[in-house]
């Protein structure tokens, strides 16, 4: 049974584009500090993908009920977030940086929270180039503490059901950039709520290092898999830290499947994971792999994440 999430978002128009390779079709929101779909301060503004279609299946969509452009998680698709730069050093009213967002103002002496909105004092400069089968985002920030040139390319491989996201981050400032970036992987498969037909598979035996609510009775670890035990109530969530992987790129290899509809996505990268989180609510379940970045002034780092979409056996 499908479900429908209603909100006022359908009455507004946001900057977006569409790309295709003949096999896959994407809708991609474009960053804009005035009219962009997402203007929050948690996630990188580039790479919000509200529509992913392949072989009659959909893999993204609005999984949350209430929309607000500055809401911390009003995002869809394989969105990414960087840990803040300079937050601890900044005094109340001082400035810190979030890559892919800009320079933000520290509200008070409390700890940084990704769930809060921080006033943006400098959104940087965004540029977008749309080519055949790809969208290229460029974000330039010039700041007194941290400056950078960030480039993200979303590309559909010719003749394959594969989406690649290439990243390039150059440190153009005077201070070391040391941060973690993670992909939240908000994949909503065929607009279905999660159920016992949903699971995540890793190439290693998974163990839980409990954080937050933990898995509880809602989900279980079964060797190399996380399985959903039952449908979640609207107010229920699971959140925990996962271990068992080695610091090698081959362990960054994750499969998400919905056997009720027979569709899945395989996620891999050319960098090792530094941390792995699992989060789920009633509408979506997400493996969240982190990558550690350390960039000296003048240096550039690159990394790539690949997504292969496929169909699989349907389980009644």
C-alpha atoms as a PDB file:
ATOM      1  CA  UNK A   1       0.000   0.000   0.000  1.00  0.00           C
ATOM      2  CA  UNK A   2       1.419   3.383  -0.925  1.00  0.00           C
ATOM      3  CA  UNK A   3       1.155   6.439   1.273  1.00  0.00           C
ATOM      4  CA  UNK A   4       0.961  10.128   0.555  1.00  0.00           C
ATOM      5  CA  UNK A   5       2.663  12.888   2.519  1.00  0.00           C
ATOM      6  CA  UNK A   6       0.788  16.164   2.237  1.00  0.00           C
ATOM      7  CA  UNK A   7       2.390  19.581   2.658  1.00  0.00           C
ATOM      8  CA  UNK A   8       2.258  23.079   1.255  1.00  0.00           C
ATOM      9  CA  UNK A   9       5.415  22.415  -0.748  1.00  0.00           C
ATOM     10  CA  UNK A  10       3.316  21.422  -3.788  1.00  0.00           C
ATOM     11  CA  UNK A  11       2.073  25.016  -4.061  1.00  0.00           C
ATOM     12  CA  UNK A  12       5.562  26.468  -4.523  1.00  0.00           C
ATOM     13  CA  UNK A  13       8.107  26.312  -7.317  1.00  0.00           C
ATOM     14  CA  UNK A  14      11.805  25.875  -6.559  1.00  0.00           C
ATOM     15  CA  UNK A  15      14.876  26.046  -8.802  1.00  0.00           C
ATOM     16  CA  UNK A  16      15.474  22.561 -10.195  1.00  0.00           C
ATOM     17  CA  UNK A  17      16.665  20.633 -13.215  1.00  0.00           C
ATOM     18  CA  UNK A  18      16.231  17.158 -14.690  1.00  0.00           C
ATOM     19  CA  UNK A  19      18.817  14.809 -16.154  1.00  0.00           C
ATOM     20  CA  UNK A  20      18.597  11.385 -17.773  1.00  0.00           C
ATOM     21  CA  UNK A  21      20.785   8.741 -19.407  1.00  0.00           C
ATOM     22  CA  UNK A  22      17.889   6.888 -21.036  1.00  0.00           C
ATOM     23  CA  UNK A  23      17.753   4.304 -18.237  1.00  0.00           C
ATOM     24  CA  UNK A  24      17.526   6.565 -15.218  1.00  0.00           C
ATOM     25  CA  UNK A  25      15.823   9.904 -14.635  1.00  0.00           C
ATOM     26  CA  UNK A  26      16.642  12.414 -11.884  1.00  0.00           C
ATOM     27  CA  UNK A  27      15.043  15.599 -10.576  1.00  0.00           C
ATOM     28  CA  UNK A  28      17.620  17.743  -8.809  1.00  0.00           C
ATOM     29  CA  UNK A  29      16.995  20.837  -6.681  1.00  0.00           C
ATOM     30  CA  UNK A  30      19.415  23.720  -7.212  1.00  0.00           C
ATOM     31  CA  UNK A  31      20.880  25.791  -4.346  1.00  0.00           C
ATOM     32  CA  UNK A  32      19.675  29.355  -3.900  1.00  0.00           C
ATOM     33  CA  UNK A  33      19.847  31.426  -0.685  1.00  0.00           C
ATOM     34  CA  UNK A  34      16.553  33.140  -1.505  1.00  0.00           C
ATOM     35  CA  UNK A  35      14.359  30.599  -3.292  1.00  0.00           C
ATOM     36  CA  UNK A  36      16.063  27.212  -2.875  1.00  0.00           C
ATOM     37  CA  UNK A  37      14.044  24.256  -1.621  1.00  0.00           C
ATOM     38  CA  UNK A  38      16.480  23.719   1.265  1.00  0.00           C
ATOM     39  CA  UNK A  39      17.965  26.705   3.097  1.00  0.00           C
ATOM     40  CA  UNK A  40      18.789  25.028   6.406  1.00  0.00           C
ATOM     41  CA  UNK A  41      22.223  24.851   8.012  1.00  0.00           C
ATOM     42  CA  UNK A  42      22.693  21.117   8.589  1.00  0.00           C
ATOM     43  CA  UNK A  43      23.131  19.662   5.090  1.00  0.00           C
ATOM     44  CA  UNK A  44      25.182  20.640   2.047  1.00  0.00           C
ATOM     45  CA  UNK A  45      22.833  22.586  -0.239  1.00  0.00           C
ATOM     46  CA  UNK A  46      23.968  20.769  -3.381  1.00  0.00           C
ATOM     47  CA  UNK A  47      22.797  17.300  -4.332  1.00  0.00           C
ATOM     48  CA  UNK A  48      19.194  17.337  -3.091  1.00  0.00           C
ATOM     49  CA  UNK A  49      17.452  14.831  -5.366  1.00  0.00           C
ATOM     50  CA  UNK A  50      13.660  14.609  -4.861  1.00  0.00           C
ATOM     51  CA  UNK A  51      13.178  12.236  -7.802  1.00  0.00           C
ATOM     52  CA  UNK A  52      15.110   9.104  -8.802  1.00  0.00           C
ATOM     53  CA  UNK A  53      13.457   6.734 -11.287  1.00  0.00           C
ATOM     54  CA  UNK A  54      14.679   3.444 -12.722  1.00  0.00           C
ATOM     55  CA  UNK A  55      12.858   0.496 -14.331  1.00  0.00           C
ATOM     56  CA  UNK A  56       9.435   1.529 -13.036  1.00  0.00           C
ATOM     57  CA  UNK A  57      10.687   2.100  -9.488  1.00  0.00           C
ATOM     58  CA  UNK A  58      11.226   5.315  -7.548  1.00  0.00           C
ATOM     59  CA  UNK A  59      13.974   5.776  -4.975  1.00  0.00           C
ATOM     60  CA  UNK A  60      13.435   9.237  -3.509  1.00  0.00           C
ATOM     61  CA  UNK A  61      10.643  11.512  -2.356  1.00  0.00           C
ATOM     62  CA  UNK A  62       9.229  13.466   0.560  1.00  0.00           C
ATOM     63  CA  UNK A  63       9.487  11.184   3.592  1.00  0.00           C
ATOM     64  CA  UNK A  64       8.642  13.853   6.199  1.00  0.00           C
ATOM     65  CA  UNK A  65       5.228  15.398   6.872  1.00  0.00           C
ATOM     66  CA  UNK A  66       5.895  19.089   7.440  1.00  0.00           C
ATOM     67  CA  UNK A  67       8.012  21.169   5.091  1.00  0.00           C
ATOM     68  CA  UNK A  68       9.968  24.265   6.052  1.00  0.00           C
ATOM     69  CA  UNK A  69      12.953  25.470   3.960  1.00  0.00           C
ATOM     70  CA  UNK A  70      15.105  25.948   7.086  1.00  0.00           C
ATOM     71  CA  UNK A  71      14.024  22.736   8.817  1.00  0.00           C
ATOM     72  CA  UNK A  72      17.184  20.713   9.506  1.00  0.00           C
ATOM     73  CA  UNK A  73      16.022  17.559   7.700  1.00  0.00           C
ATOM     74  CA  UNK A  74      13.765  18.887   4.936  1.00  0.00           C
ATOM     75  CA  UNK A  75      15.928  17.038   2.415  1.00  0.00           C
ATOM     76  CA  UNK A  76      15.654  14.068   0.065  1.00  0.00           C
ATOM     77  CA  UNK A  77      18.035  11.662  -1.630  1.00  0.00           C
ATOM     78  CA  UNK A  78      21.721  11.006  -0.846  1.00  0.00           C
ATOM     79  CA  UNK A  79      22.285  14.311   0.947  1.00  0.00           C
ATOM     80  CA  UNK A  80      25.560  15.034   2.726  1.00  0.00           C
ATOM     81  CA  UNK A  81      26.649  17.049   5.762  1.00  0.00           C
ATOM     82  CA  UNK A  82      30.051  18.253   6.969  1.00  0.00           C
ATOM     83  CA  UNK A  83      30.992  18.716  10.608  1.00  0.00           C
ATOM     84  CA  UNK A  84      31.434  22.417  11.498  1.00  0.00           C
ATOM     85  CA  UNK A  85      34.732  24.277  11.280  1.00  0.00           C
ATOM     86  CA  UNK A  86      35.742  26.651  14.061  1.00  0.00           C
ATOM     87  CA  UNK A  87      32.632  26.303  16.204  1.00  0.00           C
ATOM     88  CA  UNK A  88      34.463  25.668  19.492  1.00  0.00           C
ATOM     89  CA  UNK A  89      36.863  28.525  18.898  1.00  0.00           C
ATOM     90  CA  UNK A  90      34.110  31.033  18.124  1.00  0.00           C
ATOM     91  CA  UNK A  91      32.645  33.021  20.988  1.00  0.00           C
ATOM     92  CA  UNK A  92      28.955  33.806  21.337  1.00  0.00           C
ATOM     93  CA  UNK A  93      28.020  35.862  18.311  1.00  0.00           C
ATOM     94  CA  UNK A  94      31.190  34.709  16.564  1.00  0.00           C
ATOM     95  CA  UNK A  95      31.390  32.907  13.240  1.00  0.00           C
ATOM     96  CA  UNK A  96      32.006  29.327  12.126  1.00  0.00           C
ATOM     97  CA  UNK A  97      31.797  27.509   8.806  1.00  0.00           C
ATOM     98  CA  UNK A  98      29.746  24.661   7.359  1.00  0.00           C
ATOM     99  CA  UNK A  99      31.009  23.441   3.995  1.00  0.00           C
ATOM    100  CA  UNK A 100      28.233  23.530   1.417  1.00  0.00           C
ATOM    101  CA  UNK A 101      26.291  26.098   3.453  1.00  0.00           C
ATOM    102  CA  UNK A 102      28.568  29.051   4.306  1.00  0.00           C
ATOM    103  CA  UNK A 103      29.606  31.143   7.297  1.00  0.00           C
ATOM    104  CA  UNK A 104      27.223  30.878  10.253  1.00  0.00           C
ATOM    105  CA  UNK A 105      26.779  32.799  13.499  1.00  0.00           C
ATOM    106  CA  UNK A 106      27.195  30.999  16.831  1.00  0.00           C
ATOM    107  CA  UNK A 107      24.083  31.696  18.887  1.00  0.00           C
ATOM    108  CA  UNK A 108      25.336  31.044  22.403  1.00  0.00           C
ATOM    109  CA  UNK A 109      27.894  29.117  24.449  1.00  0.00           C
ATOM    110  CA  UNK A 110      26.049  25.803  24.008  1.00  0.00           C
ATOM    111  CA  UNK A 111      27.394  22.859  22.029  1.00  0.00           C
ATOM    112  CA  UNK A 112      26.874  22.714  18.281  1.00  0.00           C
ATOM    113  CA  UNK A 113      23.637  20.974  17.297  1.00  0.00           C
ATOM    114  CA  UNK A 114      22.820  19.883  13.738  1.00  0.00           C
ATOM    115  CA  UNK A 115      19.135  20.190  14.629  1.00  0.00           C
ATOM    116  CA  UNK A 116      19.296  23.941  15.208  1.00  0.00           C
ATOM    117  CA  UNK A 117      19.181  26.669  12.590  1.00  0.00           C
ATOM    118  CA  UNK A 118      22.081  29.131  12.659  1.00  0.00           C
ATOM    119  CA  UNK A 119      21.898  32.515  10.994  1.00  0.00           C
ATOM    120  CA  UNK A 120      23.913  32.617   7.776  1.00  0.00           C
ATOM    121  CA  UNK A 121      26.180  35.663   7.555  1.00  0.00           C
ATOM    122  CA  UNK A 122      27.872  34.641   4.290  1.00  0.00           C
ATOM    123  CA  UNK A 123      26.276  32.048   1.958  1.00  0.00           C
ATOM    124  CA  UNK A 124      29.245  32.106  -0.413  1.00  0.00           C
ATOM    125  CA  UNK A 125      28.800  31.954  -4.176  1.00  0.00           C
ATOM    126  CA  UNK A 126      27.036  29.069  -5.906  1.00  0.00           C
ATOM    127  CA  UNK A 127      27.408  28.232  -9.588  1.00  0.00           C
ATOM    128  CA  UNK A 128      25.641  25.418 -11.458  1.00  0.00           C
ATOM    129  CA  UNK A 129      26.424  23.902 -14.849  1.00  0.00           C
ATOM    130  CA  UNK A 130      23.991  21.475 -16.448  1.00  0.00           C
ATOM    131  CA  UNK A 131      25.339  19.121 -19.084  1.00  0.00           C
ATOM    132  CA  UNK A 132      24.111  15.942 -20.736  1.00  0.00           C
ATOM    133  CA  UNK A 133      23.485  13.462 -17.927  1.00  0.00           C
ATOM    134  CA  UNK A 134      25.161  15.542 -15.246  1.00  0.00           C
ATOM    135  CA  UNK A 135      24.868  18.544 -12.931  1.00  0.00           C
ATOM    136  CA  UNK A 136      27.986  20.328 -11.655  1.00  0.00           C
ATOM    137  CA  UNK A 137      27.740  22.425  -8.469  1.00  0.00           C
ATOM    138  CA  UNK A 138      30.485  24.826  -7.386  1.00  0.00           C
ATOM    139  CA  UNK A 139      30.518  26.597  -4.019  1.00  0.00           C
ATOM    140  CA  UNK A 140      33.148  29.213  -3.205  1.00  0.00           C
ATOM    141  CA  UNK A 141      33.500  30.658   0.284  1.00  0.00           C
ATOM    142  CA  UNK A 142      35.956  33.400   1.226  1.00  0.00           C
ATOM    143  CA  UNK A 143      36.094  33.850   4.990  1.00  0.00           C
ATOM    144  CA  UNK A 144      38.578  35.227   7.521  1.00  0.00           C
ATOM    145  CA  UNK A 145      38.988  31.784   9.166  1.00  0.00           C
ATOM    146  CA  UNK A 146      38.158  29.077   6.596  1.00  0.00           C
ATOM    147  CA  UNK A 147      37.934  29.465   2.830  1.00  0.00           C
ATOM    148  CA  UNK A 148      37.395  26.808   0.201  1.00  0.00           C
ATOM    149  CA  UNK A 149      36.346  25.866  -3.309  1.00  0.00           C
ATOM    150  CA  UNK A 150      33.931  22.939  -3.297  1.00  0.00           C
ATOM    151  CA  UNK A 151      32.820  21.122  -6.442  1.00  0.00           C
ATOM    152  CA  UNK A 152      30.245  18.341  -6.612  1.00  0.00           C
ATOM    153  CA  UNK A 153      29.294  16.563  -9.837  1.00  0.00           C
ATOM    154  CA  UNK A 154      26.224  14.337 -10.084  1.00  0.00           C
ATOM    155  CA  UNK A 155      26.521  12.128 -13.151  1.00  0.00           C
ATOM    156  CA  UNK A 156      24.509   9.280 -14.659  1.00  0.00           C
ATOM    157  CA  UNK A 157      26.734   6.673 -16.295  1.00  0.00           C
ATOM    158  CA  UNK A 158      25.984   6.086 -19.965  1.00  0.00           C
ATOM    159  CA  UNK A 159      24.012   2.875 -20.525  1.00  0.00           C
ATOM    160  CA  UNK A 160      24.061   1.891 -16.832  1.00  0.00           C
ATOM    161  CA  UNK A 161      21.659   2.349 -13.882  1.00  0.00           C
ATOM    162  CA  UNK A 162      24.462   4.079 -11.976  1.00  0.00           C
ATOM    163  CA  UNK A 163      24.672   7.533 -10.417  1.00  0.00           C
ATOM    164  CA  UNK A 164      28.095   8.826  -9.398  1.00  0.00           C
ATOM    165  CA  UNK A 165      28.774  11.798  -7.141  1.00  0.00           C
ATOM    166  CA  UNK A 166      32.295  13.184  -7.520  1.00  0.00           C
ATOM    167  CA  UNK A 167      33.579  15.596  -4.886  1.00  0.00           C
ATOM    168  CA  UNK A 168      36.503  17.991  -4.946  1.00  0.00           C
ATOM    169  CA  UNK A 169      37.369  20.261  -2.016  1.00  0.00           C
ATOM    170  CA  UNK A 170      40.254  22.761  -2.132  1.00  0.00           C
ATOM    171  CA  UNK A 171      41.437  24.584   0.985  1.00  0.00           C
ATOM    172  CA  UNK A 172      41.986  28.190  -0.161  1.00  0.00           C
ATOM    173  CA  UNK A 173      42.297  29.607   3.353  1.00  0.00           C
ATOM    174  CA  UNK A 174      45.074  29.860   5.912  1.00  0.00           C
ATOM    175  CA  UNK A 175      43.880  27.241   8.400  1.00  0.00           C
ATOM    176  CA  UNK A 176      43.813  23.447   8.284  1.00  0.00           C
ATOM    177  CA  UNK A 177      40.421  22.030   7.307  1.00  0.00           C
ATOM    178  CA  UNK A 178      39.686  18.954   9.390  1.00  0.00           C
ATOM    179  CA  UNK A 179      36.142  17.638   9.130  1.00  0.00           C
ATOM    180  CA  UNK A 180      33.970  14.574   8.628  1.00  0.00           C
ATOM    181  CA  UNK A 181      31.407  14.332   5.860  1.00  0.00           C
ATOM    182  CA  UNK A 182      28.593  11.804   5.902  1.00  0.00           C
ATOM    183  CA  UNK A 183      25.844  10.742   3.541  1.00  0.00           C
ATOM    184  CA  UNK A 184      22.460  10.363   5.220  1.00  0.00           C
ATOM    185  CA  UNK A 185      21.046   8.265   2.339  1.00  0.00           C
ATOM    186  CA  UNK A 186      17.385   9.281   2.498  1.00  0.00           C
ATOM    187  CA  UNK A 187      16.240   6.670  -0.033  1.00  0.00           C
ATOM    188  CA  UNK A 188      12.460   6.265  -0.116  1.00  0.00           C
ATOM    189  CA  UNK A 189      11.883   3.168  -2.244  1.00  0.00           C
ATOM    190  CA  UNK A 190       8.621   3.128  -4.221  1.00  0.00           C
ATOM    191  CA  UNK A 191       7.009   5.527  -1.719  1.00  0.00           C
ATOM    192  CA  UNK A 192       6.645   2.687   0.792  1.00  0.00           C
ATOM    193  CA  UNK A 193       6.872   2.825   4.552  1.00  0.00           C
ATOM    194  CA  UNK A 194       9.502   0.517   6.013  1.00  0.00           C
ATOM    195  CA  UNK A 195       8.447  -3.005   6.955  1.00  0.00           C
ATOM    196  CA  UNK A 196       9.794  -6.495   7.598  1.00  0.00           C
ATOM    197  CA  UNK A 197      10.577  -6.728   3.863  1.00  0.00           C
ATOM    198  CA  UNK A 198      13.278  -4.055   4.218  1.00  0.00           C
ATOM    199  CA  UNK A 199      16.928  -4.668   5.052  1.00  0.00           C
ATOM    200  CA  UNK A 200      20.477  -3.323   4.705  1.00  0.00           C
ATOM    201  CA  UNK A 201      23.461  -5.533   3.839  1.00  0.00           C
ATOM    202  CA  UNK A 202      27.171  -4.872   4.481  1.00  0.00           C
ATOM    203  CA  UNK A 203      30.297  -6.808   3.368  1.00  0.00           C
ATOM    204  CA  UNK A 204      31.296  -7.408   7.014  1.00  0.00           C
ATOM    205  CA  UNK A 205      29.701  -8.832  10.152  1.00  0.00           C
ATOM    206  CA  UNK A 206      27.941  -5.977  11.897  1.00  0.00           C
ATOM    207  CA  UNK A 207      28.032  -5.217  15.612  1.00  0.00           C
ATOM    208  CA  UNK A 208      26.191  -2.519  17.522  1.00  0.00           C
ATOM    209  CA  UNK A 209      27.908   0.083  19.679  1.00  0.00           C
ATOM    210  CA  UNK A 210      24.712   1.478  21.127  1.00  0.00           C
ATOM    211  CA  UNK A 211      24.058   5.186  20.799  1.00  0.00           C
ATOM    212  CA  UNK A 212      20.791   7.003  21.257  1.00  0.00           C
ATOM    213  CA  UNK A 213      17.767   4.700  21.311  1.00  0.00           C
ATOM    214  CA  UNK A 214      19.672   1.770  19.847  1.00  0.00           C
ATOM    215  CA  UNK A 215      17.931  -0.798  17.670  1.00  0.00           C
ATOM    216  CA  UNK A 216      15.639  -2.075  20.425  1.00  0.00           C
ATOM    217  CA  UNK A 217      12.897  -4.387  19.205  1.00  0.00           C
ATOM    218  CA  UNK A 218      12.419  -2.457  15.964  1.00  0.00           C
ATOM    219  CA  UNK A 219      15.418  -3.811  14.061  1.00  0.00           C
ATOM    220  CA  UNK A 220      17.965  -6.589  14.485  1.00  0.00           C
ATOM    221  CA  UNK A 221      21.473  -7.449  13.362  1.00  0.00           C
ATOM    222  CA  UNK A 222      21.693 -10.730  11.470  1.00  0.00           C
ATOM    223  CA  UNK A 223      25.307 -11.389  10.532  1.00  0.00           C
ATOM    224  CA  UNK A 224      26.060  -8.924   7.750  1.00  0.00           C
ATOM    225  CA  UNK A 225      22.536  -7.501   7.680  1.00  0.00           C
ATOM    226  CA  UNK A 226      20.255  -5.145   9.545  1.00  0.00           C
ATOM    227  CA  UNK A 227      16.670  -6.335   9.255  1.00  0.00           C
ATOM    228  CA  UNK A 228      13.503  -4.460  10.128  1.00  0.00           C
ATOM    229  CA  UNK A 229      11.385  -6.523  12.519  1.00  0.00           C
ATOM    230  CA  UNK A 230       8.096  -4.727  12.050  1.00  0.00           C
ATOM    231  CA  UNK A 231       6.527  -1.512  10.827  1.00  0.00           C
ATOM    232  CA  UNK A 232       7.336   1.468  13.047  1.00  0.00           C
ATOM    233  CA  UNK A 233       4.678   3.476  14.812  1.00  0.00           C
ATOM    234  CA  UNK A 234       4.650   7.132  13.794  1.00  0.00           C
ATOM    235  CA  UNK A 235       6.564   8.218  16.905  1.00  0.00           C
ATOM    236  CA  UNK A 236       9.137   5.385  16.908  1.00  0.00           C
ATOM    237  CA  UNK A 237      12.743   5.704  15.799  1.00  0.00           C
ATOM    238  CA  UNK A 238      15.908   3.618  15.882  1.00  0.00           C
ATOM    239  CA  UNK A 239      19.350   5.183  16.112  1.00  0.00           C
ATOM    240  CA  UNK A 240      22.671   3.519  16.841  1.00  0.00           C
ATOM    241  CA  UNK A 241      26.328   3.273  15.876  1.00  0.00           C
ATOM    242  CA  UNK A 242      27.548   0.273  13.899  1.00  0.00           C
ATOM    243  CA  UNK A 243      30.967  -1.355  13.919  1.00  0.00           C
ATOM    244  CA  UNK A 244      32.744  -4.298  12.312  1.00  0.00           C
ATOM    245  CA  UNK A 245      34.199  -2.529   9.273  1.00  0.00           C
ATOM    246  CA  UNK A 246      37.896  -2.098   8.553  1.00  0.00           C
ATOM    247  CA  UNK A 247      39.504   1.219   7.464  1.00  0.00           C
ATOM    248  CA  UNK A 248      39.515   0.160   3.801  1.00  0.00           C
ATOM    249  CA  UNK A 249      37.412   1.399   0.885  1.00  0.00           C
ATOM    250  CA  UNK A 250      36.061  -2.084   0.059  1.00  0.00           C
ATOM    251  CA  UNK A 251      34.050  -2.089   3.302  1.00  0.00           C
ATOM    252  CA  UNK A 252      32.195   1.033   2.113  1.00  0.00           C
ATOM    253  CA  UNK A 253      29.777  -1.194   0.184  1.00  0.00           C
ATOM    254  CA  UNK A 254      26.157  -1.040   1.339  1.00  0.00           C
ATOM    255  CA  UNK A 255      22.962  -2.479  -0.144  1.00  0.00           C
ATOM    256  CA  UNK A 256      19.482  -1.194   0.718  1.00  0.00           C
ATOM    257  CA  UNK A 257      16.561  -3.344  -0.438  1.00  0.00           C
ATOM    258  CA  UNK A 258      12.793  -3.327  -0.233  1.00  0.00           C
ATOM    259  CA  UNK A 259      11.685  -6.878  -1.049  1.00  0.00           C
ATOM    260  CA  UNK A 260       8.019  -5.862  -0.927  1.00  0.00           C
ATOM    261  CA  UNK A 261       8.448  -3.921  -4.178  1.00  0.00           C
ATOM    262  CA  UNK A 262      11.615  -5.613  -5.482  1.00  0.00           C
ATOM    263  CA  UNK A 263      13.980  -2.662  -5.716  1.00  0.00           C
ATOM    264  CA  UNK A 264      17.353  -1.814  -4.227  1.00  0.00           C
ATOM    265  CA  UNK A 265      20.387   0.454  -4.340  1.00  0.00           C
ATOM    266  CA  UNK A 266      24.042  -0.429  -3.780  1.00  0.00           C
ATOM    267  CA  UNK A 267      26.297   2.302  -2.370  1.00  0.00           C
ATOM    268  CA  UNK A 268      30.096   2.231  -2.638  1.00  0.00           C
ATOM    269  CA  UNK A 269      32.949   4.718  -2.354  1.00  0.00           C
ATOM    270  CA  UNK A 270      36.657   5.068  -3.102  1.00  0.00           C
ATOM    271  CA  UNK A 271      37.421   6.059   0.517  1.00  0.00           C
ATOM    272  CA  UNK A 272      37.167   4.121   3.801  1.00  0.00           C
ATOM    273  CA  UNK A 273      34.493   4.814   6.384  1.00  0.00           C
ATOM    274  CA  UNK A 274      35.553   6.575   9.563  1.00  0.00           C
ATOM    275  CA  UNK A 275      32.203   5.976  11.296  1.00  0.00           C
ATOM    276  CA  UNK A 276      28.868   4.286  10.530  1.00  0.00           C
ATOM    277  CA  UNK A 277      25.445   5.216  11.913  1.00  0.00           C
ATOM    278  CA  UNK A 278      22.025   3.629  11.375  1.00  0.00           C
ATOM    279  CA  UNK A 279      18.808   5.667  11.707  1.00  0.00           C
ATOM    280  CA  UNK A 280      15.212   4.748  10.904  1.00  0.00           C
ATOM    281  CA  UNK A 281      11.705   6.106  11.412  1.00  0.00           C
ATOM    282  CA  UNK A 282       8.312   4.948  10.171  1.00  0.00           C
ATOM    283  CA  UNK A 283       8.897   6.061   6.579  1.00  0.00           C
ATOM    284  CA  UNK A 284      12.589   5.561   5.896  1.00  0.00           C
ATOM    285  CA  UNK A 285      15.723   3.718   7.025  1.00  0.00           C
ATOM    286  CA  UNK A 286      19.216   5.048   6.484  1.00  0.00           C
ATOM    287  CA  UNK A 287      22.785   3.790   6.712  1.00  0.00           C
ATOM    288  CA  UNK A 288      24.987   6.844   7.342  1.00  0.00           C
ATOM    289  CA  UNK A 289      28.676   6.296   6.433  1.00  0.00           C
ATOM    290  CA  UNK A 290      31.243   8.963   7.375  1.00  0.00           C
ATOM    291  CA  UNK A 291      34.505   9.913   5.648  1.00  0.00           C
ATOM    292  CA  UNK A 292      37.310  11.752   7.446  1.00  0.00           C
ATOM    293  CA  UNK A 293      38.926  14.701   5.635  1.00  0.00           C
ATOM    294  CA  UNK A 294      42.099  16.585   6.498  1.00  0.00           C
ATOM    295  CA  UNK A 295      43.192  19.312   4.052  1.00  0.00           C
ATOM    296  CA  UNK A 296      46.164  21.627   4.496  1.00  0.00           C
ATOM    297  CA  UNK A 297      46.076  25.160   3.052  1.00  0.00           C
ATOM    298  CA  UNK A 298      46.503  25.006  -0.708  1.00  0.00           C
ATOM    299  CA  UNK A 299      45.704  21.301  -0.906  1.00  0.00           C
ATOM    300  CA  UNK A 300      42.790  19.580  -2.686  1.00  0.00           C
ATOM    301  CA  UNK A 301      41.089  16.292  -1.811  1.00  0.00           C
ATOM    302  CA  UNK A 302      38.798  14.218  -4.027  1.00  0.00           C
ATOM    303  CA  UNK A 303      36.378  11.399  -3.305  1.00  0.00           C
ATOM    304  CA  UNK A 304      33.623   9.561  -5.150  1.00  0.00           C
ATOM    305  CA  UNK A 305      30.428   7.798  -4.073  1.00  0.00           C
ATOM    306  CA  UNK A 306      28.612   5.493  -6.518  1.00  0.00           C
ATOM    307  CA  UNK A 307      24.995   4.318  -6.463  1.00  0.00           C
ATOM    308  CA  UNK A 308      23.882   1.332  -8.511  1.00  0.00           C
ATOM    309  CA  UNK A 309      20.106   0.869  -8.750  1.00  0.00           C
ATOM    310  CA  UNK A 310      18.598  -2.543  -9.422  1.00  0.00           C
ATOM    311  CA  UNK A 311      15.558  -4.769  -9.183  1.00  0.00           C
ATOM    312  CA  UNK A 312      15.411  -7.869  -7.008  1.00  0.00           C
ATOM    313  CA  UNK A 313      13.122 -10.713  -5.946  1.00  0.00           C
ATOM    314  CA  UNK A 314       9.763  -9.673  -4.482  1.00  0.00           C
ATOM    315  CA  UNK A 315       8.886 -11.173  -1.107  1.00  0.00           C
ATOM    316  CA  UNK A 316       5.163 -11.308  -0.255  1.00  0.00           C
END
